């Protein structure tokens, strides 16, 4: 495999550009500049991205790139680099590739000698972890749990880990997921973050039963991040 280092590829460049997870001010000056300079933007949902681009007066061609077409049309996306020298990839919110489409395209670009440059920026699990009050020197990010096959096995494994564990979840499955976690994790500390950086941001801290009681009594909307305290028993055993 040829080794392609920064600025050595003549086959175009893919920019991975994080976008705000809620508050439109949470975008870097560099991200705005790159989105203004590229020839084409691949967006998870063009309708969502148009609102952000309009806010920053960015007018560039948009093409949809999402989980429903990334496998079937991957070669087509790579072929765009014969027409466009610089292409940006954005998701609806946060950093592409983190529980969002992006990995397949990035891998294909690298295999085809196309330079990939990833900008730092917003992602939901970092503020959730740091603001949780739980240890963040070591953590395990899992993302979304399997819906069916392997779900229980995954939960049992995650609950054995001594590190702080981070999950993403749908508001429609939040309470059910927390109840499933309680069956294995017991009454350790949990933090649930909802709608981070948005007007109705909500961060709930407490024992797992306290968090379940809180969310069981209300209608839940928005993006959810769950932060679970690590398995203290295993951690203590490790320290001996």
C-alpha atoms as a PDB file:
ATOM      1  CA  UNK A   1       0.000   0.000   0.000  1.00  0.00           C
ATOM      2  CA  UNK A   2       1.312   3.437  -0.903  1.00  0.00           C
ATOM      3  CA  UNK A   3       1.860   5.767   2.030  1.00  0.00           C
ATOM      4  CA  UNK A   4       0.186   9.131   1.414  1.00  0.00           C
ATOM      5  CA  UNK A   5       1.158  11.905   3.789  1.00  0.00           C
ATOM      6  CA  UNK A   6      -0.392  15.325   4.132  1.00  0.00           C
ATOM      7  CA  UNK A   7      -0.173  17.547   1.038  1.00  0.00           C
ATOM      8  CA  UNK A   8       1.386  14.774  -1.104  1.00  0.00           C
ATOM      9  CA  UNK A   9      -1.760  13.485  -2.836  1.00  0.00           C
ATOM     10  CA  UNK A  10      -2.734  14.872  -6.233  1.00  0.00           C
ATOM     11  CA  UNK A  11      -6.064  13.048  -6.277  1.00  0.00           C
ATOM     12  CA  UNK A  12      -8.063  15.498  -4.223  1.00  0.00           C
ATOM     13  CA  UNK A  13      -8.832  15.867  -0.562  1.00  0.00           C
ATOM     14  CA  UNK A  14     -11.695  14.934   1.745  1.00  0.00           C
ATOM     15  CA  UNK A  15     -12.295  17.205   4.725  1.00  0.00           C
ATOM     16  CA  UNK A  16     -14.148  15.736   7.720  1.00  0.00           C
ATOM     17  CA  UNK A  17     -15.921  18.758   9.195  1.00  0.00           C
ATOM     18  CA  UNK A  18     -17.687  18.575  12.587  1.00  0.00           C
ATOM     19  CA  UNK A  19     -20.855  20.658  12.859  1.00  0.00           C
ATOM     20  CA  UNK A  20     -22.687  21.944  15.961  1.00  0.00           C
ATOM     21  CA  UNK A  21     -24.706  19.419  17.962  1.00  0.00           C
ATOM     22  CA  UNK A  22     -27.250  22.124  18.778  1.00  0.00           C
ATOM     23  CA  UNK A  23     -25.994  25.639  19.341  1.00  0.00           C
ATOM     24  CA  UNK A  24     -24.968  27.074  15.963  1.00  0.00           C
ATOM     25  CA  UNK A  25     -22.176  29.064  17.633  1.00  0.00           C
ATOM     26  CA  UNK A  26     -20.321  25.815  18.344  1.00  0.00           C
ATOM     27  CA  UNK A  27     -18.488  25.711  15.040  1.00  0.00           C
ATOM     28  CA  UNK A  28     -14.883  26.703  14.507  1.00  0.00           C
ATOM     29  CA  UNK A  29     -13.664  29.554  12.324  1.00  0.00           C
ATOM     30  CA  UNK A  30     -11.652  26.972  10.429  1.00  0.00           C
ATOM     31  CA  UNK A  31     -14.713  24.805   9.756  1.00  0.00           C
ATOM     32  CA  UNK A  32     -16.589  27.769   8.304  1.00  0.00           C
ATOM     33  CA  UNK A  33     -13.596  28.643   6.123  1.00  0.00           C
ATOM     34  CA  UNK A  34     -13.220  25.090   4.830  1.00  0.00           C
ATOM     35  CA  UNK A  35     -16.929  24.816   4.012  1.00  0.00           C
ATOM     36  CA  UNK A  36     -16.620  28.066   2.059  1.00  0.00           C
ATOM     37  CA  UNK A  37     -13.570  26.841   0.147  1.00  0.00           C
ATOM     38  CA  UNK A  38     -14.495  23.285  -0.871  1.00  0.00           C
ATOM     39  CA  UNK A  39     -16.047  22.470  -4.237  1.00  0.00           C
ATOM     40  CA  UNK A  40     -18.716  20.096  -2.899  1.00  0.00           C
ATOM     41  CA  UNK A  41     -20.305  19.156   0.430  1.00  0.00           C
ATOM     42  CA  UNK A  42     -21.558  15.659   1.236  1.00  0.00           C
ATOM     43  CA  UNK A  43     -24.284  15.955   3.861  1.00  0.00           C
ATOM     44  CA  UNK A  44     -26.173  13.353   5.894  1.00  0.00           C
ATOM     45  CA  UNK A  45     -29.451  15.237   5.403  1.00  0.00           C
ATOM     46  CA  UNK A  46     -29.271  18.120   2.947  1.00  0.00           C
ATOM     47  CA  UNK A  47     -32.383  19.726   4.454  1.00  0.00           C
ATOM     48  CA  UNK A  48     -30.742  19.928   7.886  1.00  0.00           C
ATOM     49  CA  UNK A  49     -27.400  21.089   6.500  1.00  0.00           C
ATOM     50  CA  UNK A  50     -28.964  23.845   4.407  1.00  0.00           C
ATOM     51  CA  UNK A  51     -30.087  25.575   7.612  1.00  0.00           C
ATOM     52  CA  UNK A  52     -26.551  25.614   8.991  1.00  0.00           C
ATOM     53  CA  UNK A  53     -24.976  26.674   5.713  1.00  0.00           C
ATOM     54  CA  UNK A  54     -27.561  29.406   5.232  1.00  0.00           C
ATOM     55  CA  UNK A  55     -26.836  30.718   8.735  1.00  0.00           C
ATOM     56  CA  UNK A  56     -23.170  31.159   7.779  1.00  0.00           C
ATOM     57  CA  UNK A  57     -23.963  32.310   4.221  1.00  0.00           C
ATOM     58  CA  UNK A  58     -22.242  29.308   2.647  1.00  0.00           C
ATOM     59  CA  UNK A  59     -23.482  28.460  -0.830  1.00  0.00           C
ATOM     60  CA  UNK A  60     -22.007  25.206  -2.117  1.00  0.00           C
ATOM     61  CA  UNK A  61     -23.375  22.179  -4.019  1.00  0.00           C
ATOM     62  CA  UNK A  62     -24.847  19.584  -1.658  1.00  0.00           C
ATOM     63  CA  UNK A  63     -25.178  15.836  -2.202  1.00  0.00           C
ATOM     64  CA  UNK A  64     -26.755  13.423   0.276  1.00  0.00           C
ATOM     65  CA  UNK A  65     -24.422  10.916   1.923  1.00  0.00           C
ATOM     66  CA  UNK A  66     -26.132   8.798   4.604  1.00  0.00           C
ATOM     67  CA  UNK A  67     -26.373   5.264   5.987  1.00  0.00           C
ATOM     68  CA  UNK A  68     -28.948   4.246   3.379  1.00  0.00           C
ATOM     69  CA  UNK A  69     -26.791   4.995   0.344  1.00  0.00           C
ATOM     70  CA  UNK A  70     -23.165   4.832   1.507  1.00  0.00           C
ATOM     71  CA  UNK A  71     -22.733   1.124   0.715  1.00  0.00           C
ATOM     72  CA  UNK A  72     -24.487   1.103  -2.659  1.00  0.00           C
ATOM     73  CA  UNK A  73     -23.013   4.344  -4.001  1.00  0.00           C
ATOM     74  CA  UNK A  74     -19.531   4.355  -2.482  1.00  0.00           C
ATOM     75  CA  UNK A  75     -17.810   4.102  -5.891  1.00  0.00           C
ATOM     76  CA  UNK A  76     -19.883   7.025  -7.129  1.00  0.00           C
ATOM     77  CA  UNK A  77     -18.799   9.129  -4.170  1.00  0.00           C
ATOM     78  CA  UNK A  78     -15.149   8.306  -4.886  1.00  0.00           C
ATOM     79  CA  UNK A  79     -15.658   9.258  -8.539  1.00  0.00           C
ATOM     80  CA  UNK A  80     -16.638  12.779  -7.463  1.00  0.00           C
ATOM     81  CA  UNK A  81     -12.949  13.467  -6.836  1.00  0.00           C
ATOM     82  CA  UNK A  82     -12.361  13.387 -10.600  1.00  0.00           C
ATOM     83  CA  UNK A  83     -14.634  16.436 -10.873  1.00  0.00           C
ATOM     84  CA  UNK A  84     -14.153  18.130  -7.516  1.00  0.00           C
ATOM     85  CA  UNK A  85     -10.691  18.673  -6.028  1.00  0.00           C
ATOM     86  CA  UNK A  86     -11.842  19.353  -2.481  1.00  0.00           C
ATOM     87  CA  UNK A  87     -14.907  17.783  -0.835  1.00  0.00           C
ATOM     88  CA  UNK A  88     -16.249  18.190   2.709  1.00  0.00           C
ATOM     89  CA  UNK A  89     -18.206  15.579   4.616  1.00  0.00           C
ATOM     90  CA  UNK A  90     -20.627  16.722   7.316  1.00  0.00           C
ATOM     91  CA  UNK A  91     -23.302  14.976   9.367  1.00  0.00           C
ATOM     92  CA  UNK A  92     -26.506  16.417  10.793  1.00  0.00           C
ATOM     93  CA  UNK A  93     -24.673  17.173  14.035  1.00  0.00           C
ATOM     94  CA  UNK A  94     -21.272  16.414  15.514  1.00  0.00           C
ATOM     95  CA  UNK A  95     -18.328  14.648  13.933  1.00  0.00           C
ATOM     96  CA  UNK A  96     -18.906  12.308  10.962  1.00  0.00           C
ATOM     97  CA  UNK A  97     -17.937   8.740  11.776  1.00  0.00           C
ATOM     98  CA  UNK A  98     -18.915   8.966  15.453  1.00  0.00           C
ATOM     99  CA  UNK A  99     -22.227   7.050  15.415  1.00  0.00           C
ATOM    100  CA  UNK A 100     -22.794   8.696  12.023  1.00  0.00           C
ATOM    101  CA  UNK A 101     -21.907   7.752   8.431  1.00  0.00           C
ATOM    102  CA  UNK A 102     -18.341   8.434   7.362  1.00  0.00           C
ATOM    103  CA  UNK A 103     -16.099   5.459   8.044  1.00  0.00           C
ATOM    104  CA  UNK A 104     -16.676   3.706   4.703  1.00  0.00           C
ATOM    105  CA  UNK A 105     -15.947   6.844   2.693  1.00  0.00           C
ATOM    106  CA  UNK A 106     -12.849   7.696   4.699  1.00  0.00           C
ATOM    107  CA  UNK A 107     -11.460   4.177   4.267  1.00  0.00           C
ATOM    108  CA  UNK A 108     -12.222   4.190   0.536  1.00  0.00           C
ATOM    109  CA  UNK A 109     -10.547   7.570   0.077  1.00  0.00           C
ATOM    110  CA  UNK A 110      -7.380   6.394   1.801  1.00  0.00           C
ATOM    111  CA  UNK A 111      -7.300   3.212  -0.295  1.00  0.00           C
ATOM    112  CA  UNK A 112      -7.591   5.330  -3.445  1.00  0.00           C
ATOM    113  CA  UNK A 113      -4.812   7.729  -2.520  1.00  0.00           C
ATOM    114  CA  UNK A 114      -7.160  10.585  -1.639  1.00  0.00           C
ATOM    115  CA  UNK A 115      -5.950  12.686   1.267  1.00  0.00           C
ATOM    116  CA  UNK A 116      -8.225  12.863   4.310  1.00  0.00           C
ATOM    117  CA  UNK A 117      -8.063  15.761   6.758  1.00  0.00           C
ATOM    118  CA  UNK A 118     -10.221  15.691   9.891  1.00  0.00           C
ATOM    119  CA  UNK A 119     -10.995  18.919  11.703  1.00  0.00           C
ATOM    120  CA  UNK A 120     -11.476  18.909  15.490  1.00  0.00           C
ATOM    121  CA  UNK A 121     -14.871  19.971  16.737  1.00  0.00           C
ATOM    122  CA  UNK A 122     -18.188  19.152  18.308  1.00  0.00           C
ATOM    123  CA  UNK A 123     -19.213  15.690  19.429  1.00  0.00           C
ATOM    124  CA  UNK A 124     -21.862  14.985  22.054  1.00  0.00           C
ATOM    125  CA  UNK A 125     -20.095  12.443  24.232  1.00  0.00           C
ATOM    126  CA  UNK A 126     -17.173  14.698  25.263  1.00  0.00           C
ATOM    127  CA  UNK A 127     -19.170  17.420  27.083  1.00  0.00           C
ATOM    128  CA  UNK A 128     -21.433  14.718  28.530  1.00  0.00           C
ATOM    129  CA  UNK A 129     -18.454  12.831  29.940  1.00  0.00           C
ATOM    130  CA  UNK A 130     -16.508  15.826  31.227  1.00  0.00           C
ATOM    131  CA  UNK A 131     -19.595  17.424  32.779  1.00  0.00           C
ATOM    132  CA  UNK A 132     -20.825  14.196  34.349  1.00  0.00           C
ATOM    133  CA  UNK A 133     -18.619  14.381  37.403  1.00  0.00           C
ATOM    134  CA  UNK A 134     -17.599  10.759  36.803  1.00  0.00           C
ATOM    135  CA  UNK A 135     -13.963   9.788  36.167  1.00  0.00           C
ATOM    136  CA  UNK A 136     -12.909  10.708  32.633  1.00  0.00           C
ATOM    137  CA  UNK A 137      -9.227   9.788  32.692  1.00  0.00           C
ATOM    138  CA  UNK A 138     -10.259   6.444  31.198  1.00  0.00           C
ATOM    139  CA  UNK A 139     -13.586   5.776  29.516  1.00  0.00           C
ATOM    140  CA  UNK A 140     -15.305   3.414  27.104  1.00  0.00           C
ATOM    141  CA  UNK A 141     -17.450   4.887  24.343  1.00  0.00           C
ATOM    142  CA  UNK A 142     -19.885   2.399  22.827  1.00  0.00           C
ATOM    143  CA  UNK A 143     -22.500   4.516  21.041  1.00  0.00           C
ATOM    144  CA  UNK A 144     -25.905   2.970  20.309  1.00  0.00           C
ATOM    145  CA  UNK A 145     -26.679  -0.452  21.784  1.00  0.00           C
ATOM    146  CA  UNK A 146     -27.865  -3.199  19.411  1.00  0.00           C
ATOM    147  CA  UNK A 147     -31.654  -3.182  19.139  1.00  0.00           C
ATOM    148  CA  UNK A 148     -32.081  -6.955  19.274  1.00  0.00           C
ATOM    149  CA  UNK A 149     -29.323  -9.473  18.526  1.00  0.00           C
ATOM    150  CA  UNK A 150     -26.477  -9.187  21.007  1.00  0.00           C
ATOM    151  CA  UNK A 151     -28.149  -6.488  23.099  1.00  0.00           C
ATOM    152  CA  UNK A 152     -28.210  -8.359  26.414  1.00  0.00           C
ATOM    153  CA  UNK A 153     -24.696  -9.722  25.946  1.00  0.00           C
ATOM    154  CA  UNK A 154     -23.422  -6.224  25.189  1.00  0.00           C
ATOM    155  CA  UNK A 155     -25.111  -4.760  28.272  1.00  0.00           C
ATOM    156  CA  UNK A 156     -23.627  -7.481  30.485  1.00  0.00           C
ATOM    157  CA  UNK A 157     -20.153  -6.808  29.076  1.00  0.00           C
ATOM    158  CA  UNK A 158     -20.374  -3.038  29.466  1.00  0.00           C
ATOM    159  CA  UNK A 159     -21.483  -3.375  33.072  1.00  0.00           C
ATOM    160  CA  UNK A 160     -18.315  -5.319  33.917  1.00  0.00           C
ATOM    161  CA  UNK A 161     -15.969  -2.567  32.751  1.00  0.00           C
ATOM    162  CA  UNK A 162     -14.151  -0.517  35.413  1.00  0.00           C
ATOM    163  CA  UNK A 163     -14.051   2.536  33.134  1.00  0.00           C
ATOM    164  CA  UNK A 164     -16.807   5.112  32.794  1.00  0.00           C
ATOM    165  CA  UNK A 165     -19.107   3.953  29.961  1.00  0.00           C
ATOM    166  CA  UNK A 166     -20.795   6.250  27.437  1.00  0.00           C
ATOM    167  CA  UNK A 167     -23.859   5.324  25.372  1.00  0.00           C
ATOM    168  CA  UNK A 168     -26.113   7.088  22.895  1.00  0.00           C
ATOM    169  CA  UNK A 169     -29.833   6.365  22.987  1.00  0.00           C
ATOM    170  CA  UNK A 170     -33.112   7.319  21.373  1.00  0.00           C
ATOM    171  CA  UNK A 171     -35.570   9.199  23.636  1.00  0.00           C
ATOM    172  CA  UNK A 172     -38.167   6.545  22.792  1.00  0.00           C
ATOM    173  CA  UNK A 173     -35.990   3.752  24.243  1.00  0.00           C
ATOM    174  CA  UNK A 174     -34.324   5.635  27.102  1.00  0.00           C
ATOM    175  CA  UNK A 175     -36.347   4.334  30.050  1.00  0.00           C
ATOM    176  CA  UNK A 176     -36.375   0.771  28.713  1.00  0.00           C
ATOM    177  CA  UNK A 177     -32.597   0.859  28.257  1.00  0.00           C
ATOM    178  CA  UNK A 178     -32.040   2.251  31.756  1.00  0.00           C
ATOM    179  CA  UNK A 179     -34.231  -0.487  33.226  1.00  0.00           C
ATOM    180  CA  UNK A 180     -32.269  -3.145  31.349  1.00  0.00           C
ATOM    181  CA  UNK A 181     -29.027  -1.644  32.627  1.00  0.00           C
ATOM    182  CA  UNK A 182     -30.326  -1.663  36.218  1.00  0.00           C
ATOM    183  CA  UNK A 183     -30.890  -5.415  36.044  1.00  0.00           C
ATOM    184  CA  UNK A 184     -27.158  -5.866  35.513  1.00  0.00           C
ATOM    185  CA  UNK A 185     -25.429  -2.704  36.784  1.00  0.00           C
ATOM    186  CA  UNK A 186     -27.332  -2.251  40.036  1.00  0.00           C
ATOM    187  CA  UNK A 187     -27.466   1.089  41.830  1.00  0.00           C
ATOM    188  CA  UNK A 188     -24.357   2.814  40.594  1.00  0.00           C
ATOM    189  CA  UNK A 189     -24.208   6.470  39.549  1.00  0.00           C
ATOM    190  CA  UNK A 190     -25.636   7.501  36.182  1.00  0.00           C
ATOM    191  CA  UNK A 191     -25.807  10.765  34.272  1.00  0.00           C
ATOM    192  CA  UNK A 192     -28.256  11.311  31.414  1.00  0.00           C
ATOM    193  CA  UNK A 193     -27.711  14.339  29.176  1.00  0.00           C
ATOM    194  CA  UNK A 194     -30.517  15.483  26.901  1.00  0.00           C
ATOM    195  CA  UNK A 195     -30.366  18.129  24.169  1.00  0.00           C
ATOM    196  CA  UNK A 196     -26.802  19.211  24.937  1.00  0.00           C
ATOM    197  CA  UNK A 197     -26.003  22.833  23.971  1.00  0.00           C
ATOM    198  CA  UNK A 198     -29.643  23.508  23.037  1.00  0.00           C
ATOM    199  CA  UNK A 199     -32.223  25.743  24.727  1.00  0.00           C
ATOM    200  CA  UNK A 200     -33.796  22.859  26.640  1.00  0.00           C
ATOM    201  CA  UNK A 201     -30.530  21.207  27.690  1.00  0.00           C
ATOM    202  CA  UNK A 202     -31.073  18.877  30.639  1.00  0.00           C
ATOM    203  CA  UNK A 203     -28.501  16.970  32.702  1.00  0.00           C
ATOM    204  CA  UNK A 204     -29.809  14.510  35.287  1.00  0.00           C
ATOM    205  CA  UNK A 205     -27.409  12.960  37.821  1.00  0.00           C
ATOM    206  CA  UNK A 206     -28.128  10.338  40.467  1.00  0.00           C
ATOM    207  CA  UNK A 207     -28.445   6.650  41.186  1.00  0.00           C
ATOM    208  CA  UNK A 208     -29.899   4.614  38.350  1.00  0.00           C
ATOM    209  CA  UNK A 209     -33.261   4.315  40.131  1.00  0.00           C
ATOM    210  CA  UNK A 210     -33.400   8.082  40.680  1.00  0.00           C
ATOM    211  CA  UNK A 211     -32.681   8.732  37.005  1.00  0.00           C
ATOM    212  CA  UNK A 212     -35.310   6.184  35.910  1.00  0.00           C
ATOM    213  CA  UNK A 213     -37.916   7.718  38.226  1.00  0.00           C
ATOM    214  CA  UNK A 214     -37.203  11.178  36.817  1.00  0.00           C
ATOM    215  CA  UNK A 215     -37.587  10.223  33.157  1.00  0.00           C
ATOM    216  CA  UNK A 216     -40.515   7.865  33.758  1.00  0.00           C
ATOM    217  CA  UNK A 217     -42.659  10.838  34.755  1.00  0.00           C
ATOM    218  CA  UNK A 218     -42.188  12.965  31.633  1.00  0.00           C
ATOM    219  CA  UNK A 219     -42.297  12.973  27.847  1.00  0.00           C
ATOM    220  CA  UNK A 220     -38.753  12.595  26.544  1.00  0.00           C
ATOM    221  CA  UNK A 221     -37.539  14.344  23.408  1.00  0.00           C
ATOM    222  CA  UNK A 222     -34.201  15.098  21.819  1.00  0.00           C
ATOM    223  CA  UNK A 223     -30.745  13.547  21.603  1.00  0.00           C
ATOM    224  CA  UNK A 224     -29.629  11.452  24.584  1.00  0.00           C
ATOM    225  CA  UNK A 225     -26.207  10.611  26.046  1.00  0.00           C
ATOM    226  CA  UNK A 226     -25.960   8.134  28.932  1.00  0.00           C
ATOM    227  CA  UNK A 227     -22.868   8.145  31.165  1.00  0.00           C
ATOM    228  CA  UNK A 228     -22.513   5.148  33.487  1.00  0.00           C
ATOM    229  CA  UNK A 229     -20.167   4.831  36.437  1.00  0.00           C
ATOM    230  CA  UNK A 230     -17.630   2.040  35.983  1.00  0.00           C
ATOM    231  CA  UNK A 231     -17.788  -1.209  37.898  1.00  0.00           C
ATOM    232  CA  UNK A 232     -16.289  -0.159  41.239  1.00  0.00           C
ATOM    233  CA  UNK A 233     -15.924  -3.737  42.511  1.00  0.00           C
ATOM    234  CA  UNK A 234     -13.668  -4.662  39.592  1.00  0.00           C
ATOM    235  CA  UNK A 235     -11.723  -1.430  39.900  1.00  0.00           C
ATOM    236  CA  UNK A 236     -11.025  -2.096  43.600  1.00  0.00           C
ATOM    237  CA  UNK A 237      -9.968  -5.640  42.809  1.00  0.00           C
ATOM    238  CA  UNK A 238      -7.527  -4.316  40.213  1.00  0.00           C
ATOM    239  CA  UNK A 239      -5.935  -1.939  42.697  1.00  0.00           C
ATOM    240  CA  UNK A 240      -4.986  -4.717  45.142  1.00  0.00           C
END
